[in-house]
Amino acid sequence: MTTATRLRLLSRPGCHLCEEMASALQELGLAFEAVNIEENPVLASEYASVIPVLFHKDTEVARAPQSPRTLKRALRRAGVI
């Protein structure tokens, strides 16, 4: 992941919405770090019902549900693409 991008995707294994957002990011050619919230009790308690959640640096960019089109719009608003 490049330091300029710094995207972080909060997700959990087996989450189809998480897989869809990860796939959409890959299709856009964007590098990201996938963070399994099940490995962090604080993140799990805060985000369990709203994953996936995408952050750029420390700012939330998008959360479920997102279509590829609305995700792209959110990334543009955040200045990522």
C-alpha atoms as a PDB file:
ATOM      1  CA  MET A   1       0.000   0.000   0.000  1.00  0.00           C
ATOM      2  CA  THR A   2       1.341   3.428  -0.848  1.00  0.00           C
ATOM      3  CA  THR A   3       1.617   5.963   1.920  1.00  0.00           C
ATOM      4  CA  ALA A   4      -0.425   8.421  -0.157  1.00  0.00           C
ATOM      5  CA  THR A   5      -3.451   6.118  -0.258  1.00  0.00           C
ATOM      6  CA  ARG A   6      -3.612   4.706   3.263  1.00  0.00           C
ATOM      7  CA  LEU A   7      -6.997   3.023   2.883  1.00  0.00           C
ATOM      8  CA  ARG A   8      -8.162   0.702   5.632  1.00  0.00           C
ATOM      9  CA  LEU A   9     -11.145  -1.618   5.216  1.00  0.00           C
ATOM     10  CA  LEU A  10     -12.757  -2.860   8.413  1.00  0.00           C
ATOM     11  CA  SER A  11     -14.252  -6.265   7.725  1.00  0.00           C
ATOM     12  CA  ARG A  12     -14.726  -9.783   9.018  1.00  0.00           C
ATOM     13  CA  PRO A  13     -14.297 -13.211   7.412  1.00  0.00           C
ATOM     14  CA  GLY A  14     -17.343 -14.477   5.547  1.00  0.00           C
ATOM     15  CA  CYS A  15     -18.952 -11.039   5.187  1.00  0.00           C
ATOM     16  CA  HIS A  16     -20.267 -10.794   1.621  1.00  0.00           C
ATOM     17  CA  LEU A  17     -20.607  -6.997   1.802  1.00  0.00           C
ATOM     18  CA  CYS A  18     -16.970  -6.789   2.897  1.00  0.00           C
ATOM     19  CA  GLU A  19     -15.914  -9.018   0.009  1.00  0.00           C
ATOM     20  CA  GLU A  20     -17.893  -6.861  -2.434  1.00  0.00           C
ATOM     21  CA  MET A  21     -16.281  -3.634  -1.205  1.00  0.00           C
ATOM     22  CA  ALA A  22     -12.811  -5.218  -1.308  1.00  0.00           C
ATOM     23  CA  SER A  23     -13.479  -6.374  -4.861  1.00  0.00           C
ATOM     24  CA  ALA A  24     -14.675  -2.910  -5.903  1.00  0.00           C
ATOM     25  CA  LEU A  25     -11.514  -1.342  -4.448  1.00  0.00           C
ATOM     26  CA  GLN A  26      -9.364  -3.861  -6.313  1.00  0.00           C
ATOM     27  CA  GLU A  27     -11.225  -3.138  -9.566  1.00  0.00           C
ATOM     28  CA  LEU A  28     -10.424   0.543  -9.064  1.00  0.00           C
ATOM     29  CA  GLY A  29      -6.760  -0.390  -8.629  1.00  0.00           C
ATOM     30  CA  LEU A  30      -6.646   0.899  -5.059  1.00  0.00           C
ATOM     31  CA  ALA A  31      -4.402  -0.660  -2.449  1.00  0.00           C
ATOM     32  CA  PHE A  32      -5.902  -1.102   0.994  1.00  0.00           C
ATOM     33  CA  GLU A  33      -5.286  -2.806   4.303  1.00  0.00           C
ATOM     34  CA  ALA A  34      -8.028  -5.235   5.335  1.00  0.00           C
ATOM     35  CA  VAL A  35      -8.574  -5.208   9.104  1.00  0.00           C
ATOM     36  CA  ASN A  36     -10.443  -8.129  10.665  1.00  0.00           C
ATOM     37  CA  ILE A  37     -12.539  -6.549  13.420  1.00  0.00           C
ATOM     38  CA  GLU A  38     -12.915  -9.931  15.124  1.00  0.00           C
ATOM     39  CA  GLU A  39      -9.261  -9.654  16.138  1.00  0.00           C
ATOM     40  CA  ASN A  40      -9.857  -6.353  17.942  1.00  0.00           C
ATOM     41  CA  PRO A  41     -12.582  -6.214  20.630  1.00  0.00           C
ATOM     42  CA  VAL A  42     -12.800  -2.405  20.489  1.00  0.00           C
ATOM     43  CA  LEU A  43     -13.365  -2.368  16.719  1.00  0.00           C
ATOM     44  CA  ALA A  44     -15.765  -5.313  16.971  1.00  0.00           C
ATOM     45  CA  SER A  45     -17.894  -3.545  19.541  1.00  0.00           C
ATOM     46  CA  GLU A  46     -17.946  -0.277  17.607  1.00  0.00           C
ATOM     47  CA  TYR A  47     -18.359  -1.522  14.025  1.00  0.00           C
ATOM     48  CA  ALA A  48     -19.868  -5.030  14.154  1.00  0.00           C
ATOM     49  CA  SER A  49     -23.274  -3.964  12.845  1.00  0.00           C
ATOM     50  CA  VAL A  50     -22.047  -1.577  10.116  1.00  0.00           C
ATOM     51  CA  ILE A  51     -19.165  -3.333   8.341  1.00  0.00           C
ATOM     52  CA  PRO A  52     -17.624  -2.926   5.929  1.00  0.00           C
ATOM     53  CA  VAL A  53     -16.303   0.483   6.855  1.00  0.00           C
ATOM     54  CA  LEU A  54     -13.637   2.161   4.735  1.00  0.00           C
ATOM     55  CA  PHE A  55     -11.228   4.738   6.117  1.00  0.00           C
ATOM     56  CA  HIS A  56      -8.798   7.017   4.301  1.00  0.00           C
ATOM     57  CA  LYS A  57      -6.112   7.840   6.820  1.00  0.00           C
ATOM     58  CA  ASP A  58      -8.281   8.427   9.935  1.00  0.00           C
ATOM     59  CA  THR A  59     -11.419   9.637   8.156  1.00  0.00           C
ATOM     60  CA  GLU A  60     -14.376   7.394   7.432  1.00  0.00           C
ATOM     61  CA  VAL A  61     -15.085   7.372   3.698  1.00  0.00           C
ATOM     62  CA  ALA A  62     -17.854   4.777   3.356  1.00  0.00           C
ATOM     63  CA  ARG A  63     -19.752   2.050   5.138  1.00  0.00           C
ATOM     64  CA  ALA A  64     -22.212  -0.624   4.102  1.00  0.00           C
ATOM     65  CA  PRO A  65     -24.192  -0.777   2.012  1.00  0.00           C
ATOM     66  CA  GLN A  66     -22.303   0.604  -0.990  1.00  0.00           C
ATOM     67  CA  SER A  67     -22.645  -0.119  -4.669  1.00  0.00           C
ATOM     68  CA  PRO A  68     -19.509   0.232  -6.814  1.00  0.00           C
ATOM     69  CA  ARG A  69     -20.944   3.536  -8.086  1.00  0.00           C
ATOM     70  CA  THR A  70     -21.651   5.039  -4.654  1.00  0.00           C
ATOM     71  CA  LEU A  71     -18.284   3.812  -3.369  1.00  0.00           C
ATOM     72  CA  LYS A  72     -16.533   5.547  -6.267  1.00  0.00           C
ATOM     73  CA  ARG A  73     -18.456   8.749  -5.488  1.00  0.00           C
ATOM     74  CA  ALA A  74     -17.433   8.542  -1.809  1.00  0.00           C
ATOM     75  CA  LEU A  75     -13.792   8.019  -2.784  1.00  0.00           C
ATOM     76  CA  ARG A  76     -13.939  11.069  -5.052  1.00  0.00           C
ATOM     77  CA  ARG A  77     -15.445  13.209  -2.271  1.00  0.00           C
ATOM     78  CA  ALA A  78     -12.626  12.082   0.020  1.00  0.00           C
ATOM     79  CA  GLY A  79     -10.009  13.014  -2.598  1.00  0.00           C
ATOM     80  CA  VAL A  80      -8.752   9.447  -2.943  1.00  0.00           C
ATOM     81  CA  ILE A  81      -9.468   9.181  -6.682  1.00  0.00           C
END
